[in-house]
Amino acid sequence: MNTEIQQIIPVLQADGLIILPTDTVWCLACNALNENALARMFAIRARESDFALLVDNYARLQPHVARIHPKATAIIDYHDRPLTIIYEQVRGLPEATLGEKDSIGIQITKDGFCKSLIKELDAPLAIMAAHYPDEPRPQNFSEINTKLLQAADYVVKYRREEIEKYDLPTMLRIKKDGELVFLRK
């Protein structure tokens, strides 16, 4: 695992795109702080600024949100399933990547490979599910479109053989007034 991470870091530092498994689905990913890489990812997926942020811990989350809601930390710590929280008033990301919106879904990963990769990169990852907008979300690696695999600069070898299907993450929004609203349970 560490050898593969060492191969991936230079790719992510050089505007590169990777495809990797996350807590939920296989994703197209890049360094979230790299505007060129984000532009490449949006072009490949034919979408504008529709991505989530993947972080490894609360310390990496803090620079990007105005406040980490105390109830959100409890939910993150004790929730069994992957959890994406939509934060408003996001900061610390390239402005061009957010477009007119100031909110983004952020997930603190529990996956060991993702945690190690983000820690070694010392930056959050921007992720989009590894499929084109007109295709269904792949349930495992073998269902990812070959054209998308070829568009990435690196495809992670870790967990390719898994065939289990993953649920979408629980999703909640933290509104500006601090209210927590579940969007998907």
N, C-alpha and C. Protein backbone atom coordinates (compact mmCIF):
# COMPACT_ATOMS: atom_id res chain seq x y z
N MET A 1 0.83 -1.20 0.00
CA MET A 1 0.00 0.00 0.00
C MET A 1 0.87 1.26 0.00
N ASN A 2 1.89 1.31 0.85
CA ASN A 2 2.75 2.50 0.91
C ASN A 2 3.52 2.72 -0.39
N THR A 3 3.93 1.63 -1.04
CA THR A 3 4.63 1.76 -2.32
C THR A 3 3.72 2.39 -3.36
N GLU A 4 2.48 1.97 -3.40
CA GLU A 4 1.55 2.53 -4.37
C GLU A 4 1.28 4.01 -4.07
N ILE A 5 1.15 4.35 -2.80
CA ILE A 5 0.93 5.75 -2.43
C ILE A 5 2.11 6.60 -2.90
N GLN A 6 3.31 6.09 -2.76
CA GLN A 6 4.50 6.83 -3.21
C GLN A 6 4.49 7.04 -4.72
N GLN A 7 3.88 6.14 -5.46
CA GLN A 7 3.75 6.30 -6.92
C GLN A 7 2.68 7.34 -7.27
N ILE A 8 1.66 7.44 -6.45
CA ILE A 8 0.53 8.33 -6.72
C ILE A 8 0.84 9.79 -6.40
N ILE A 9 1.60 10.06 -5.36
CA ILE A 9 1.85 11.44 -4.91
C ILE A 9 2.38 12.32 -6.03
N PRO A 10 3.41 11.93 -6.79
CA PRO A 10 3.88 12.80 -7.87
C PRO A 10 2.80 13.07 -8.92
N VAL A 11 1.95 12.11 -9.16
CA VAL A 11 0.86 12.29 -10.13
C VAL A 11 -0.07 13.40 -9.64
N LEU A 12 -0.46 13.33 -8.37
CA LEU A 12 -1.36 14.33 -7.81
C LEU A 12 -0.71 15.71 -7.68
N GLN A 13 0.59 15.75 -7.51
CA GLN A 13 1.30 17.02 -7.40
C GLN A 13 1.50 17.68 -8.76
N ALA A 14 1.31 16.91 -9.84
CA ALA A 14 1.55 17.42 -11.20
C ALA A 14 0.25 17.52 -12.00
N ASP A 15 -0.80 18.05 -11.40
CA ASP A 15 -2.10 18.25 -12.07
C ASP A 15 -2.75 16.94 -12.47
N GLY A 16 -2.33 15.82 -11.89
CA GLY A 16 -2.82 14.52 -12.31
C GLY A 16 -4.15 14.11 -11.72
N LEU A 17 -4.76 13.16 -12.42
CA LEU A 17 -6.04 12.57 -12.00
C LEU A 17 -5.84 11.09 -11.73
N ILE A 18 -6.49 10.61 -10.69
CA ILE A 18 -6.42 9.19 -10.37
C ILE A 18 -7.83 8.64 -10.25
N ILE A 19 -7.94 7.34 -10.30
CA ILE A 19 -9.19 6.66 -9.99
C ILE A 19 -8.87 5.75 -8.80
N LEU A 20 -9.67 5.88 -7.74
CA LEU A 20 -9.41 5.13 -6.53
C LEU A 20 -10.70 4.71 -5.84
N PRO A 21 -10.61 3.66 -5.01
CA PRO A 21 -11.77 3.27 -4.22
C PRO A 21 -11.87 4.17 -2.99
N THR A 22 -13.08 4.51 -2.60
CA THR A 22 -13.31 5.29 -1.39
C THR A 22 -14.17 4.47 -0.44
N ASP A 23 -14.68 5.10 0.59
CA ASP A 23 -15.58 4.41 1.52
C ASP A 23 -16.87 3.96 0.84
N THR A 24 -17.22 4.59 -0.26
CA THR A 24 -18.50 4.29 -0.89
C THR A 24 -18.33 3.71 -2.30
N VAL A 25 -17.77 4.46 -3.22
CA VAL A 25 -17.66 4.03 -4.62
C VAL A 25 -16.26 4.34 -5.15
N TRP A 26 -15.96 3.82 -6.33
CA TRP A 26 -14.74 4.21 -7.01
C TRP A 26 -14.93 5.62 -7.53
N CYS A 27 -13.89 6.45 -7.40
CA CYS A 27 -14.00 7.86 -7.77
C CYS A 27 -12.84 8.32 -8.63
N LEU A 28 -13.13 9.30 -9.46
CA LEU A 28 -12.11 10.08 -10.15
C LEU A 28 -11.69 11.13 -9.14
N ALA A 29 -10.40 11.32 -8.94
CA ALA A 29 -9.94 12.22 -7.87
C ALA A 29 -8.72 13.01 -8.30
N CYS A 30 -8.53 14.15 -7.61
CA CYS A 30 -7.35 14.97 -7.81
C CYS A 30 -7.09 15.77 -6.54
N ASN A 31 -5.97 16.46 -6.52
CA ASN A 31 -5.65 17.36 -5.41
C ASN A 31 -6.67 18.50 -5.44
N ALA A 32 -7.44 18.63 -4.38
CA ALA A 32 -8.53 19.63 -4.34
C ALA A 32 -8.01 21.06 -4.33
N LEU A 33 -6.74 21.26 -4.07
CA LEU A 33 -6.18 22.61 -4.03
C LEU A 33 -5.52 23.00 -5.36
N ASN A 34 -5.59 22.11 -6.33
CA ASN A 34 -4.94 22.33 -7.62
C ASN A 34 -6.00 22.67 -8.68
N GLU A 35 -6.06 23.94 -9.04
CA GLU A 35 -7.08 24.42 -9.98
C GLU A 35 -6.99 23.75 -11.35
N ASN A 36 -5.78 23.51 -11.84
CA ASN A 36 -5.62 22.86 -13.14
C ASN A 36 -6.15 21.43 -13.11
N ALA A 37 -5.84 20.71 -12.04
CA ALA A 37 -6.32 19.33 -11.93
C ALA A 37 -7.84 19.30 -11.83
N LEU A 38 -8.41 20.22 -11.08
CA LEU A 38 -9.88 20.29 -10.98
C LEU A 38 -10.50 20.58 -12.34
N ALA A 39 -9.91 21.49 -13.10
CA ALA A 39 -10.43 21.81 -14.43
C ALA A 39 -10.38 20.57 -15.33
N ARG A 40 -9.31 19.81 -15.25
CA ARG A 40 -9.20 18.58 -16.03
C ARG A 40 -10.28 17.58 -15.64
N MET A 41 -10.50 17.45 -14.32
CA MET A 41 -11.51 16.52 -13.84
C MET A 41 -12.90 16.92 -14.33
N PHE A 42 -13.22 18.20 -14.26
CA PHE A 42 -14.52 18.68 -14.73
C PHE A 42 -14.68 18.44 -16.23
N ALA A 43 -13.61 18.64 -16.98
CA ALA A 43 -13.69 18.44 -18.43
C ALA A 43 -13.93 16.97 -18.77
N ILE A 44 -13.25 16.07 -18.09
CA ILE A 44 -13.41 14.64 -18.35
C ILE A 44 -14.83 14.19 -18.01
N ARG A 45 -15.33 14.65 -16.89
CA ARG A 45 -16.66 14.24 -16.45
C ARG A 45 -17.77 15.09 -17.07
N ALA A 46 -17.41 16.13 -17.81
CA ALA A 46 -18.39 17.02 -18.46
C ALA A 46 -19.36 17.60 -17.45
N ARG A 47 -18.82 18.02 -16.31
CA ARG A 47 -19.63 18.65 -15.28
C ARG A 47 -18.86 19.84 -14.73
N GLU A 48 -19.59 20.81 -14.26
CA GLU A 48 -18.95 21.98 -13.67
C GLU A 48 -19.10 21.95 -12.16
N SER A 49 -18.00 22.06 -11.49
CA SER A 49 -17.91 22.20 -10.03
C SER A 49 -18.90 21.34 -9.25
N ASP A 50 -19.00 20.08 -9.61
CA ASP A 50 -19.87 19.15 -8.90
C ASP A 50 -19.00 18.04 -8.32
N PHE A 51 -18.35 18.34 -7.22
CA PHE A 51 -17.46 17.36 -6.61
C PHE A 51 -17.62 17.41 -5.10
N ALA A 52 -17.07 16.41 -4.45
CA ALA A 52 -17.04 16.39 -2.99
C ALA A 52 -15.58 16.48 -2.56
N LEU A 53 -15.40 16.87 -1.34
CA LEU A 53 -14.06 16.98 -0.76
C LEU A 53 -13.87 15.78 0.17
N LEU A 54 -12.75 15.10 0.03
CA LEU A 54 -12.42 13.96 0.89
C LEU A 54 -11.23 14.35 1.75
N VAL A 55 -11.43 14.30 3.07
CA VAL A 55 -10.37 14.66 4.01
C VAL A 55 -10.10 13.47 4.93
N ASP A 56 -8.96 13.52 5.61
CA ASP A 56 -8.57 12.41 6.47
C ASP A 56 -8.86 12.63 7.95
N ASN A 57 -9.09 13.88 8.35
CA ASN A 57 -9.32 14.16 9.77
C ASN A 57 -9.91 15.55 9.95
N TYR A 58 -10.26 15.87 11.18
CA TYR A 58 -10.85 17.18 11.49
C TYR A 58 -9.89 18.32 11.20
N ALA A 59 -8.61 18.11 11.45
CA ALA A 59 -7.62 19.17 11.22
C ALA A 59 -7.60 19.59 9.75
N ARG A 60 -7.77 18.64 8.84
CA ARG A 60 -7.77 18.97 7.42
C ARG A 60 -9.12 19.56 7.00
N LEU A 61 -10.17 19.29 7.75
CA LEU A 61 -11.48 19.85 7.48
C LEU A 61 -11.55 21.33 7.87
N GLN A 62 -10.94 21.68 8.99
CA GLN A 62 -11.05 23.04 9.56
C GLN A 62 -10.73 24.19 8.61
N PRO A 63 -9.69 24.13 7.80
CA PRO A 63 -9.40 25.28 6.93
C PRO A 63 -10.47 25.56 5.87
N HIS A 64 -11.40 24.61 5.69
CA HIS A 64 -12.36 24.74 4.60
C HIS A 64 -13.78 25.07 5.05
N VAL A 65 -14.02 25.08 6.34
CA VAL A 65 -15.36 25.39 6.85
C VAL A 65 -15.27 26.46 7.92
N ALA A 66 -16.34 27.25 8.02
CA ALA A 66 -16.35 28.33 9.01
C ALA A 66 -16.37 27.76 10.43
N ARG A 67 -17.09 26.65 10.60
CA ARG A 67 -17.24 26.08 11.94
C ARG A 67 -17.62 24.61 11.80
N ILE A 68 -17.02 23.77 12.62
CA ILE A 68 -17.41 22.37 12.66
C ILE A 68 -18.46 22.24 13.76
N HIS A 69 -19.66 21.96 13.37
CA HIS A 69 -20.78 21.87 14.29
C HIS A 69 -20.53 20.73 15.29
N PRO A 70 -20.71 20.97 16.61
CA PRO A 70 -20.48 19.91 17.60
C PRO A 70 -21.32 18.66 17.37
N LYS A 71 -22.56 18.82 16.91
CA LYS A 71 -23.39 17.65 16.64
C LYS A 71 -22.84 16.88 15.44
N ALA A 72 -22.26 17.60 14.49
CA ALA A 72 -21.69 16.94 13.31
C ALA A 72 -20.51 16.07 13.71
N THR A 73 -19.68 16.52 14.64
CA THR A 73 -18.54 15.70 15.06
C THR A 73 -19.03 14.42 15.72
N ALA A 74 -20.07 14.51 16.51
CA ALA A 74 -20.62 13.31 17.14
C ALA A 74 -21.16 12.35 16.10
N ILE A 75 -21.86 12.88 15.11
CA ILE A 75 -22.40 12.04 14.04
C ILE A 75 -21.27 11.38 13.25
N ILE A 76 -20.24 12.14 12.92
CA ILE A 76 -19.10 11.61 12.17
C ILE A 76 -18.42 10.50 12.97
N ASP A 77 -18.19 10.75 14.25
CA ASP A 77 -17.47 9.79 15.08
C ASP A 77 -18.23 8.49 15.31
N TYR A 78 -19.54 8.57 15.39
CA TYR A 78 -20.32 7.39 15.78
C TYR A 78 -21.18 6.79 14.68
N HIS A 79 -21.20 7.40 13.53
CA HIS A 79 -22.02 6.90 12.42
C HIS A 79 -21.30 5.72 11.78
N ASP A 80 -22.01 4.62 11.58
CA ASP A 80 -21.40 3.42 11.01
C ASP A 80 -21.14 3.53 9.52
N ARG A 81 -22.07 4.15 8.81
CA ARG A 81 -21.95 4.27 7.36
C ARG A 81 -21.14 5.51 6.99
N PRO A 82 -20.60 5.54 5.78
CA PRO A 82 -19.94 6.77 5.31
C PRO A 82 -20.92 7.94 5.37
N LEU A 83 -20.40 9.10 5.64
CA LEU A 83 -21.23 10.28 5.86
C LEU A 83 -20.66 11.46 5.10
N THR A 84 -21.47 12.09 4.27
CA THR A 84 -21.09 13.33 3.59
C THR A 84 -21.91 14.45 4.20
N ILE A 85 -21.22 15.49 4.61
CA ILE A 85 -21.90 16.66 5.17
C ILE A 85 -21.71 17.82 4.20
N ILE A 86 -22.81 18.46 3.85
CA ILE A 86 -22.74 19.62 2.98
C ILE A 86 -22.58 20.85 3.86
N TYR A 87 -21.44 21.47 3.75
CA TYR A 87 -21.12 22.68 4.51
C TYR A 87 -21.35 23.90 3.64
N GLU A 88 -21.89 24.93 4.23
CA GLU A 88 -22.04 26.21 3.54
C GLU A 88 -20.86 27.10 3.93
N GLN A 89 -20.63 28.13 3.17
CA GLN A 89 -19.54 29.08 3.41
C GLN A 89 -18.19 28.38 3.41
N VAL A 90 -17.94 27.60 2.35
CA VAL A 90 -16.67 26.89 2.20
C VAL A 90 -15.58 27.88 1.86
N ARG A 91 -14.38 27.59 2.30
CA ARG A 91 -13.24 28.48 2.03
C ARG A 91 -11.99 27.63 1.79
N GLY A 92 -10.93 28.31 1.34
CA GLY A 92 -9.65 27.64 1.18
C GLY A 92 -9.53 26.74 -0.04
N LEU A 93 -10.47 26.85 -0.98
CA LEU A 93 -10.38 26.10 -2.23
C LEU A 93 -10.26 27.11 -3.37
N PRO A 94 -9.70 26.70 -4.50
CA PRO A 94 -9.63 27.63 -5.63
C PRO A 94 -11.03 28.15 -5.97
N GLU A 95 -11.17 29.48 -6.04
CA GLU A 95 -12.48 30.10 -6.27
C GLU A 95 -13.16 29.62 -7.53
N ALA A 96 -12.42 29.45 -8.58
CA ALA A 96 -13.00 29.04 -9.86
C ALA A 96 -13.68 27.68 -9.77
N THR A 97 -13.28 26.86 -8.82
CA THR A 97 -13.83 25.50 -8.73
C THR A 97 -15.22 25.47 -8.09
N LEU A 98 -15.56 26.45 -7.31
CA LEU A 98 -16.85 26.45 -6.65
C LEU A 98 -17.94 27.10 -7.48
N GLY A 99 -17.57 27.86 -8.49
CA GLY A 99 -18.56 28.55 -9.30
C GLY A 99 -19.31 29.55 -8.44
N GLU A 100 -20.62 29.59 -8.60
CA GLU A 100 -21.43 30.55 -7.85
C GLU A 100 -21.86 30.01 -6.50
N LYS A 101 -21.64 28.73 -6.24
CA LYS A 101 -22.08 28.18 -4.96
C LYS A 101 -20.98 28.32 -3.91
N ASP A 102 -21.40 28.36 -2.67
CA ASP A 102 -20.41 28.43 -1.59
C ASP A 102 -20.58 27.25 -0.64
N SER A 103 -21.12 26.16 -1.16
CA SER A 103 -21.28 24.97 -0.33
C SER A 103 -20.69 23.77 -1.06
N ILE A 104 -20.29 22.77 -0.27
CA ILE A 104 -19.70 21.57 -0.85
C ILE A 104 -19.89 20.41 0.11
N GLY A 105 -20.04 19.22 -0.46
CA GLY A 105 -20.10 18.01 0.36
C GLY A 105 -18.69 17.62 0.78
N ILE A 106 -18.53 17.34 2.06
CA ILE A 106 -17.21 16.95 2.59
C ILE A 106 -17.38 15.66 3.39
N GLN A 107 -16.46 14.74 3.16
CA GLN A 107 -16.48 13.47 3.86
C GLN A 107 -15.14 13.24 4.53
N ILE A 108 -15.17 12.88 5.81
CA ILE A 108 -13.95 12.44 6.49
C ILE A 108 -13.89 10.94 6.27
N THR A 109 -12.92 10.51 5.49
CA THR A 109 -12.83 9.10 5.11
C THR A 109 -12.42 8.24 6.30
N LYS A 110 -12.92 7.03 6.29
CA LYS A 110 -12.50 6.03 7.27
C LYS A 110 -11.64 4.96 6.60
N ASP A 111 -11.54 5.02 5.27
CA ASP A 111 -10.75 4.06 4.50
C ASP A 111 -9.26 4.30 4.74
N GLY A 112 -8.53 3.27 5.16
CA GLY A 112 -7.11 3.41 5.50
C GLY A 112 -6.25 3.87 4.33
N PHE A 113 -6.51 3.37 3.13
CA PHE A 113 -5.73 3.78 1.96
C PHE A 113 -5.95 5.26 1.68
N CYS A 114 -7.20 5.70 1.67
CA CYS A 114 -7.51 7.11 1.41
C CYS A 114 -6.90 8.01 2.49
N LYS A 115 -7.00 7.60 3.75
CA LYS A 115 -6.42 8.38 4.84
C LYS A 115 -4.91 8.56 4.63
N SER A 116 -4.23 7.45 4.32
CA SER A 116 -2.78 7.52 4.12
C SER A 116 -2.40 8.38 2.92
N LEU A 117 -3.17 8.27 1.84
CA LEU A 117 -2.89 9.05 0.64
C LEU A 117 -3.06 10.55 0.91
N ILE A 118 -4.13 10.93 1.56
CA ILE A 118 -4.38 12.34 1.86
C ILE A 118 -3.33 12.87 2.82
N LYS A 119 -2.96 12.08 3.81
CA LYS A 119 -1.92 12.50 4.76
C LYS A 119 -0.59 12.73 4.04
N GLU A 120 -0.21 11.79 3.18
CA GLU A 120 1.06 11.91 2.45
C GLU A 120 1.04 13.08 1.47
N LEU A 121 -0.09 13.30 0.80
CA LEU A 121 -0.24 14.43 -0.12
C LEU A 121 -0.28 15.76 0.64
N ASP A 122 -0.76 15.71 1.87
CA ASP A 122 -0.94 16.89 2.72
C ASP A 122 -1.93 17.88 2.10
N ALA A 123 -3.00 17.30 1.53
CA ALA A 123 -4.05 18.11 0.91
C ALA A 123 -5.30 17.23 0.77
N PRO A 124 -6.47 17.85 0.78
CA PRO A 124 -7.69 17.07 0.55
C PRO A 124 -7.79 16.64 -0.91
N LEU A 125 -8.59 15.63 -1.15
CA LEU A 125 -8.87 15.19 -2.51
C LEU A 125 -10.24 15.70 -2.94
N ALA A 126 -10.34 16.09 -4.19
CA ALA A 126 -11.64 16.37 -4.81
C ALA A 126 -12.04 15.07 -5.49
N ILE A 127 -13.27 14.63 -5.27
CA ILE A 127 -13.71 13.36 -5.83
C ILE A 127 -15.04 13.50 -6.56
N MET A 128 -15.18 12.69 -7.61
CA MET A 128 -16.44 12.52 -8.35
C MET A 128 -16.57 11.03 -8.63
N ALA A 129 -17.76 10.49 -8.55
CA ALA A 129 -17.95 9.07 -8.85
C ALA A 129 -17.38 8.75 -10.23
N ALA A 130 -16.77 7.60 -10.36
CA ALA A 130 -16.07 7.21 -11.59
C ALA A 130 -17.03 6.71 -12.66
N HIS A 131 -17.83 7.63 -13.17
CA HIS A 131 -18.72 7.34 -14.29
C HIS A 131 -19.06 8.63 -15.00
N TYR A 132 -19.51 8.51 -16.22
CA TYR A 132 -19.94 9.68 -16.99
C TYR A 132 -21.39 10.01 -16.61
N PRO A 133 -21.80 11.26 -16.79
CA PRO A 133 -23.15 11.67 -16.36
C PRO A 133 -24.29 10.82 -16.94
N ASP A 134 -24.13 10.28 -18.13
CA ASP A 134 -25.22 9.50 -18.75
C ASP A 134 -25.14 8.01 -18.43
N GLU A 135 -24.27 7.61 -17.53
CA GLU A 135 -24.09 6.20 -17.17
C GLU A 135 -24.50 5.96 -15.71
N PRO A 136 -24.86 4.73 -15.38
CA PRO A 136 -25.13 4.42 -13.98
C PRO A 136 -23.83 4.39 -13.18
N ARG A 137 -23.93 4.63 -11.91
CA ARG A 137 -22.78 4.59 -11.01
C ARG A 137 -22.26 3.15 -10.94
N PRO A 138 -20.96 2.94 -11.17
CA PRO A 138 -20.42 1.57 -11.10
C PRO A 138 -20.49 1.03 -9.67
N GLN A 139 -20.84 -0.23 -9.55
CA GLN A 139 -20.93 -0.88 -8.24
C GLN A 139 -19.58 -1.40 -7.76
N ASN A 140 -18.64 -1.59 -8.71
CA ASN A 140 -17.29 -2.04 -8.35
C ASN A 140 -16.34 -1.67 -9.48
N PHE A 141 -15.08 -1.98 -9.32
CA PHE A 141 -14.07 -1.58 -10.29
C PHE A 141 -14.36 -2.09 -11.70
N SER A 142 -14.81 -3.33 -11.82
CA SER A 142 -15.02 -3.93 -13.14
C SER A 142 -16.09 -3.21 -13.96
N GLU A 143 -16.94 -2.40 -13.33
CA GLU A 143 -18.00 -1.70 -14.04
C GLU A 143 -17.61 -0.29 -14.50
N ILE A 144 -16.39 0.14 -14.22
CA ILE A 144 -15.96 1.48 -14.62
C ILE A 144 -15.69 1.49 -16.13
N ASN A 145 -16.18 2.51 -16.80
CA ASN A 145 -16.01 2.68 -18.24
C ASN A 145 -14.52 2.72 -18.59
N THR A 146 -14.12 1.91 -19.56
CA THR A 146 -12.72 1.84 -19.99
C THR A 146 -12.19 3.20 -20.44
N LYS A 147 -13.03 3.97 -21.09
CA LYS A 147 -12.63 5.30 -21.56
C LYS A 147 -12.25 6.20 -20.38
N LEU A 148 -12.99 6.10 -19.29
CA LEU A 148 -12.68 6.89 -18.10
C LEU A 148 -11.38 6.40 -17.46
N LEU A 149 -11.19 5.09 -17.41
CA LEU A 149 -9.93 4.54 -16.88
C LEU A 149 -8.74 5.05 -17.67
N GLN A 150 -8.88 5.14 -18.99
CA GLN A 150 -7.79 5.61 -19.84
C GLN A 150 -7.56 7.11 -19.69
N ALA A 151 -8.57 7.85 -19.30
CA ALA A 151 -8.44 9.30 -19.14
C ALA A 151 -7.67 9.67 -17.87
N ALA A 152 -7.64 8.77 -16.91
CA ALA A 152 -6.92 9.04 -15.66
C ALA A 152 -5.42 8.83 -15.87
N ASP A 153 -4.64 9.53 -15.05
CA ASP A 153 -3.19 9.39 -15.12
C ASP A 153 -2.68 8.19 -14.31
N TYR A 154 -3.52 7.74 -13.37
CA TYR A 154 -3.15 6.58 -12.55
C TYR A 154 -4.43 5.93 -12.04
N VAL A 155 -4.49 4.61 -12.11
CA VAL A 155 -5.62 3.86 -11.57
C VAL A 155 -5.08 3.00 -10.42
N VAL A 156 -5.63 3.21 -9.25
CA VAL A 156 -5.17 2.52 -8.05
C VAL A 156 -5.43 1.01 -8.18
N LYS A 157 -4.46 0.23 -7.73
CA LYS A 157 -4.57 -1.22 -7.78
C LYS A 157 -5.32 -1.78 -6.57
N TYR A 158 -5.27 -1.07 -5.47
CA TYR A 158 -5.89 -1.47 -4.21
C TYR A 158 -7.39 -1.69 -4.37
N ARG A 159 -7.90 -2.82 -3.93
CA ARG A 159 -9.33 -3.19 -3.87
C ARG A 159 -10.00 -3.41 -5.23
N ARG A 160 -9.24 -3.60 -6.29
CA ARG A 160 -9.85 -3.83 -7.60
C ARG A 160 -10.68 -5.11 -7.64
N GLU A 161 -10.26 -6.11 -6.90
CA GLU A 161 -10.92 -7.42 -6.97
C GLU A 161 -12.24 -7.48 -6.21
N GLU A 162 -12.54 -6.50 -5.39
CA GLU A 162 -13.79 -6.53 -4.61
C GLU A 162 -15.00 -6.46 -5.53
N ILE A 163 -16.02 -7.22 -5.19
CA ILE A 163 -17.25 -7.20 -5.99
C ILE A 163 -18.47 -6.75 -5.18
N GLU A 164 -18.27 -6.50 -3.91
CA GLU A 164 -19.41 -6.07 -3.09
C GLU A 164 -19.91 -4.70 -3.54
N LYS A 165 -21.17 -4.47 -3.30
CA LYS A 165 -21.79 -3.22 -3.68
C LYS A 165 -21.88 -2.31 -2.46
N TYR A 166 -21.58 -1.06 -2.67
CA TYR A 166 -21.57 -0.10 -1.58
C TYR A 166 -22.79 0.80 -1.63
N ASP A 167 -23.27 1.14 -0.46
CA ASP A 167 -24.38 2.09 -0.38
C ASP A 167 -23.85 3.50 -0.54
N LEU A 168 -24.71 4.38 -1.01
CA LEU A 168 -24.36 5.80 -1.05
C LEU A 168 -24.24 6.29 0.39
N PRO A 169 -23.44 7.31 0.62
CA PRO A 169 -23.28 7.79 2.00
C PRO A 169 -24.54 8.46 2.52
N THR A 170 -24.66 8.44 3.82
CA THR A 170 -25.67 9.27 4.47
C THR A 170 -25.27 10.71 4.16
N MET A 171 -26.24 11.56 3.91
CA MET A 171 -25.92 12.94 3.56
C MET A 171 -26.73 13.90 4.42
N LEU A 172 -26.05 14.89 4.96
CA LEU A 172 -26.74 15.92 5.71
C LEU A 172 -26.16 17.27 5.39
N ARG A 173 -26.94 18.29 5.63
CA ARG A 173 -26.53 19.68 5.37
C ARG A 173 -26.50 20.42 6.69
N ILE A 174 -25.48 21.24 6.85
CA ILE A 174 -25.42 22.15 7.98
C ILE A 174 -25.77 23.53 7.44
N LYS A 175 -26.91 24.03 7.83
CA LYS A 175 -27.36 25.32 7.33
C LYS A 175 -26.61 26.45 8.06
N LYS A 176 -26.67 27.64 7.49
CA LYS A 176 -25.95 28.78 8.07
C LYS A 176 -26.34 29.06 9.51
N ASP A 177 -27.59 28.74 9.87
CA ASP A 177 -28.03 28.97 11.24
C ASP A 177 -27.63 27.84 12.18
N GLY A 178 -26.93 26.83 11.66
CA GLY A 178 -26.44 25.72 12.48
C GLY A 178 -27.36 24.52 12.51
N GLU A 179 -28.53 24.60 11.89
CA GLU A 179 -29.45 23.48 11.88
C GLU A 179 -28.90 22.36 11.00
N LEU A 180 -29.05 21.11 11.48
CA LEU A 180 -28.64 19.93 10.73
C LEU A 180 -29.86 19.35 10.04
N VAL A 181 -29.76 19.12 8.74
CA VAL A 181 -30.88 18.58 7.97
C VAL A 181 -30.39 17.34 7.23
N PHE A 182 -31.01 16.18 7.49
CA PHE A 182 -30.64 14.97 6.77
C PHE A 182 -31.27 14.98 5.39
N LEU A 183 -30.44 14.78 4.36
CA LEU A 183 -30.90 14.74 2.98
C LEU A 183 -31.04 13.30 2.49
N ARG A 184 -30.20 12.39 3.03
CA ARG A 184 -30.25 10.98 2.68
C ARG A 184 -29.81 10.20 3.91
N LYS A 185 -30.63 9.25 4.33
CA LYS A 185 -30.26 8.45 5.51
C LYS A 185 -29.79 7.08 5.13
